[in-house]
Amino acid sequence: GIMNMQNEIDAMSQVTMKSFELTDIKVTSPDADTAIITYKCKVERTMGGKEDNGTYNCGSVWRKMGGEWKGIFHCDSKEAAAQ
């Protein structure tokens, strides 16, 4: 779902990260001040004491503003388990 900053911080405090791996990283720059990054993230973690392992498809948009890169959008979606 959509979270505000406090919700995100509260959720992060419930996570114990065991390992993560980033793969399939691709960067597209539609102009000199914008970067669109897509990648897969495989995680082993617990959330609120429950195992929550999986692979996520992720994407972020970064924009250079005032000489600094700022993350302006991020989305991730957990891949469905193989059947």
N, C-alpha and C. Protein backbone atom coordinates (compact mmCIF):
# COMPACT_ATOMS: atom_id res chain seq x y z
N GLY A 1 0.81 -1.18 0.00
CA GLY A 1 0.00 0.00 0.00
C GLY A 1 0.86 1.25 0.00
N ILE A 2 0.21 2.37 0.01
CA ILE A 2 0.89 3.67 0.05
C ILE A 2 1.16 4.01 1.50
N MET A 3 2.40 4.41 1.78
CA MET A 3 2.78 4.74 3.15
C MET A 3 3.34 6.15 3.22
N ASN A 4 3.10 6.80 4.36
CA ASN A 4 3.79 8.06 4.61
C ASN A 4 5.11 7.74 5.31
N MET A 5 5.91 8.74 5.58
CA MET A 5 7.25 8.51 6.14
C MET A 5 7.19 7.79 7.48
N GLN A 6 6.27 8.19 8.37
CA GLN A 6 6.20 7.55 9.68
C GLN A 6 5.79 6.09 9.57
N ASN A 7 4.82 5.78 8.68
CA ASN A 7 4.42 4.39 8.48
C ASN A 7 5.59 3.55 7.98
N GLU A 8 6.39 4.11 7.07
CA GLU A 8 7.55 3.41 6.53
C GLU A 8 8.58 3.14 7.63
N ILE A 9 8.85 4.13 8.47
CA ILE A 9 9.81 3.97 9.57
C ILE A 9 9.31 2.92 10.56
N ASP A 10 8.02 2.97 10.90
CA ASP A 10 7.45 1.99 11.82
C ASP A 10 7.56 0.57 11.25
N ALA A 11 7.28 0.41 9.96
CA ALA A 11 7.37 -0.91 9.32
C ALA A 11 8.81 -1.41 9.31
N MET A 12 9.76 -0.52 9.02
CA MET A 12 11.17 -0.92 8.98
C MET A 12 11.65 -1.40 10.34
N SER A 13 11.10 -0.86 11.43
CA SER A 13 11.54 -1.28 12.76
C SER A 13 11.09 -2.70 13.09
N GLN A 14 10.19 -3.25 12.30
CA GLN A 14 9.69 -4.62 12.51
C GLN A 14 10.43 -5.65 11.65
N VAL A 15 11.43 -5.20 10.88
CA VAL A 15 12.14 -6.09 9.94
C VAL A 15 13.52 -6.46 10.48
N THR A 16 13.83 -7.75 10.39
CA THR A 16 15.18 -8.24 10.63
C THR A 16 15.67 -8.83 9.31
N MET A 17 16.62 -8.14 8.68
CA MET A 17 17.14 -8.57 7.38
C MET A 17 18.25 -9.58 7.58
N LYS A 18 18.09 -10.77 6.99
CA LYS A 18 19.12 -11.81 7.05
C LYS A 18 20.06 -11.68 5.86
N SER A 19 19.50 -11.47 4.67
CA SER A 19 20.33 -11.28 3.48
C SER A 19 19.47 -10.66 2.38
N PHE A 20 20.17 -10.03 1.42
CA PHE A 20 19.49 -9.53 0.23
C PHE A 20 20.46 -9.55 -0.94
N GLU A 21 19.91 -9.65 -2.14
CA GLU A 21 20.72 -9.65 -3.36
C GLU A 21 19.97 -8.86 -4.43
N LEU A 22 20.66 -7.90 -5.04
CA LEU A 22 20.09 -7.12 -6.13
C LEU A 22 20.61 -7.66 -7.45
N THR A 23 19.70 -7.91 -8.41
CA THR A 23 20.09 -8.43 -9.72
C THR A 23 19.29 -7.72 -10.81
N ASP A 24 19.67 -7.99 -12.05
CA ASP A 24 18.97 -7.47 -13.23
C ASP A 24 18.79 -5.95 -13.17
N ILE A 25 19.82 -5.25 -12.71
CA ILE A 25 19.75 -3.79 -12.56
C ILE A 25 19.86 -3.12 -13.93
N LYS A 26 18.88 -2.27 -14.22
CA LYS A 26 18.87 -1.52 -15.48
C LYS A 26 18.57 -0.06 -15.16
N VAL A 27 19.33 0.84 -15.79
CA VAL A 27 19.12 2.28 -15.61
C VAL A 27 18.82 2.90 -16.96
N THR A 28 17.74 3.65 -17.02
CA THR A 28 17.35 4.37 -18.22
C THR A 28 17.31 5.85 -17.87
N SER A 29 17.91 6.68 -18.72
CA SER A 29 17.91 8.13 -18.49
C SER A 29 17.19 8.82 -19.64
N PRO A 30 15.91 9.16 -19.45
CA PRO A 30 15.20 9.86 -20.52
C PRO A 30 15.73 11.26 -20.77
N ASP A 31 16.41 11.84 -19.77
CA ASP A 31 17.11 13.11 -19.94
C ASP A 31 18.24 13.17 -18.92
N ALA A 32 19.05 14.22 -18.97
CA ALA A 32 20.25 14.30 -18.13
C ALA A 32 19.95 14.39 -16.64
N ASP A 33 18.73 14.76 -16.28
CA ASP A 33 18.39 14.96 -14.87
C ASP A 33 17.41 13.92 -14.32
N THR A 34 17.17 12.85 -15.07
CA THR A 34 16.22 11.82 -14.63
C THR A 34 16.81 10.44 -14.85
N ALA A 35 16.63 9.57 -13.86
CA ALA A 35 17.07 8.17 -13.98
C ALA A 35 15.94 7.27 -13.51
N ILE A 36 15.62 6.27 -14.33
CA ILE A 36 14.64 5.25 -13.98
C ILE A 36 15.41 3.96 -13.78
N ILE A 37 15.29 3.39 -12.59
CA ILE A 37 16.06 2.20 -12.24
C ILE A 37 15.11 1.05 -11.97
N THR A 38 15.34 -0.09 -12.62
CA THR A 38 14.57 -1.29 -12.35
C THR A 38 15.54 -2.40 -11.94
N TYR A 39 15.06 -3.27 -11.06
CA TYR A 39 15.90 -4.37 -10.58
C TYR A 39 15.06 -5.39 -9.83
N LYS A 40 15.67 -6.54 -9.56
CA LYS A 40 15.07 -7.56 -8.72
C LYS A 40 15.81 -7.57 -7.39
N CYS A 41 15.07 -7.82 -6.31
CA CYS A 41 15.67 -7.89 -4.99
C CYS A 41 15.19 -9.18 -4.32
N LYS A 42 16.14 -10.08 -4.07
CA LYS A 42 15.83 -11.33 -3.37
C LYS A 42 16.18 -11.12 -1.89
N VAL A 43 15.20 -11.33 -1.00
CA VAL A 43 15.42 -11.08 0.42
C VAL A 43 15.14 -12.31 1.27
N GLU A 44 15.89 -12.42 2.34
CA GLU A 44 15.60 -13.35 3.42
C GLU A 44 15.47 -12.48 4.66
N ARG A 45 14.25 -12.46 5.26
CA ARG A 45 14.00 -11.57 6.38
C ARG A 45 12.82 -12.07 7.21
N THR A 46 12.69 -11.45 8.37
CA THR A 46 11.48 -11.63 9.16
C THR A 46 10.84 -10.26 9.32
N MET A 47 9.51 -10.25 9.33
CA MET A 47 8.74 -9.03 9.56
C MET A 47 7.77 -9.32 10.69
N GLY A 48 7.89 -8.57 11.77
CA GLY A 48 7.02 -8.79 12.91
C GLY A 48 7.14 -10.20 13.46
N GLY A 49 8.34 -10.78 13.34
CA GLY A 49 8.58 -12.13 13.85
C GLY A 49 8.21 -13.26 12.90
N LYS A 50 7.65 -12.94 11.74
CA LYS A 50 7.26 -13.97 10.76
C LYS A 50 8.19 -13.94 9.56
N GLU A 51 8.57 -15.13 9.07
CA GLU A 51 9.43 -15.22 7.89
C GLU A 51 8.73 -14.60 6.69
N ASP A 52 9.45 -13.79 5.94
CA ASP A 52 8.90 -13.11 4.76
C ASP A 52 9.96 -13.08 3.67
N ASN A 53 10.35 -14.25 3.18
CA ASN A 53 11.36 -14.35 2.13
C ASN A 53 10.68 -14.20 0.77
N GLY A 54 11.45 -13.76 -0.23
CA GLY A 54 10.90 -13.68 -1.57
C GLY A 54 11.74 -12.83 -2.49
N THR A 55 11.27 -12.76 -3.72
CA THR A 55 11.91 -11.94 -4.75
C THR A 55 10.92 -10.85 -5.16
N TYR A 56 11.42 -9.64 -5.21
CA TYR A 56 10.59 -8.48 -5.54
C TYR A 56 11.06 -7.85 -6.84
N ASN A 57 10.11 -7.41 -7.66
CA ASN A 57 10.41 -6.60 -8.83
C ASN A 57 10.30 -5.15 -8.36
N CYS A 58 11.36 -4.38 -8.57
CA CYS A 58 11.44 -3.03 -8.00
C CYS A 58 11.70 -1.99 -9.09
N GLY A 59 11.25 -0.78 -8.83
CA GLY A 59 11.53 0.33 -9.72
C GLY A 59 11.57 1.63 -8.96
N SER A 60 12.48 2.51 -9.34
CA SER A 60 12.63 3.81 -8.70
C SER A 60 12.86 4.88 -9.76
N VAL A 61 12.38 6.06 -9.46
CA VAL A 61 12.65 7.22 -10.32
C VAL A 61 13.42 8.23 -9.48
N TRP A 62 14.55 8.66 -10.02
CA TRP A 62 15.40 9.67 -9.37
C TRP A 62 15.46 10.89 -10.25
N ARG A 63 15.50 12.07 -9.62
CA ARG A 63 15.55 13.32 -10.36
C ARG A 63 16.60 14.23 -9.74
N LYS A 64 17.43 14.83 -10.58
CA LYS A 64 18.45 15.76 -10.12
C LYS A 64 17.80 17.13 -9.95
N MET A 65 17.80 17.62 -8.69
CA MET A 65 17.18 18.91 -8.38
C MET A 65 18.14 19.70 -7.50
N GLY A 66 18.43 20.92 -7.91
CA GLY A 66 19.35 21.75 -7.13
C GLY A 66 20.73 21.13 -7.01
N GLY A 67 21.14 20.38 -8.03
CA GLY A 67 22.46 19.76 -8.03
C GLY A 67 22.55 18.45 -7.24
N GLU A 68 21.42 17.99 -6.66
CA GLU A 68 21.43 16.75 -5.88
C GLU A 68 20.41 15.76 -6.45
N TRP A 69 20.77 14.47 -6.43
CA TRP A 69 19.85 13.42 -6.85
C TRP A 69 18.89 13.12 -5.71
N LYS A 70 17.60 13.08 -6.04
CA LYS A 70 16.56 12.80 -5.04
C LYS A 70 15.65 11.69 -5.56
N GLY A 71 15.38 10.72 -4.70
CA GLY A 71 14.42 9.69 -5.05
C GLY A 71 13.02 10.26 -4.97
N ILE A 72 12.28 10.21 -6.08
CA ILE A 72 10.94 10.80 -6.08
C ILE A 72 9.83 9.76 -6.17
N PHE A 73 10.17 8.51 -6.50
CA PHE A 73 9.15 7.47 -6.58
C PHE A 73 9.82 6.11 -6.46
N HIS A 74 9.16 5.20 -5.74
CA HIS A 74 9.64 3.82 -5.64
C HIS A 74 8.44 2.89 -5.55
N CYS A 75 8.57 1.75 -6.19
CA CYS A 75 7.51 0.74 -6.15
C CYS A 75 8.16 -0.64 -6.17
N ASP A 76 7.58 -1.57 -5.42
CA ASP A 76 8.04 -2.96 -5.51
C ASP A 76 6.85 -3.89 -5.39
N SER A 77 6.99 -5.04 -6.02
CA SER A 77 5.91 -6.03 -6.03
C SER A 77 6.53 -7.41 -5.88
N LYS A 78 6.05 -8.18 -4.92
CA LYS A 78 6.59 -9.51 -4.68
C LYS A 78 6.15 -10.46 -5.78
N GLU A 79 7.11 -11.22 -6.31
CA GLU A 79 6.78 -12.21 -7.33
C GLU A 79 5.96 -13.32 -6.71
N ALA A 80 5.04 -13.85 -7.46
CA ALA A 80 4.22 -14.96 -7.00
C ALA A 80 5.10 -16.21 -6.83
N ALA A 81 4.81 -17.01 -5.83
CA ALA A 81 5.57 -18.24 -5.60
C ALA A 81 5.34 -19.21 -6.76
N ALA A 82 6.40 -19.93 -7.14
CA ALA A 82 6.30 -20.92 -8.21
C ALA A 82 5.35 -22.03 -7.78
N GLN A 83 4.54 -22.51 -8.72
CA GLN A 83 3.57 -23.56 -8.39
C GLN A 83 3.95 -24.89 -8.95
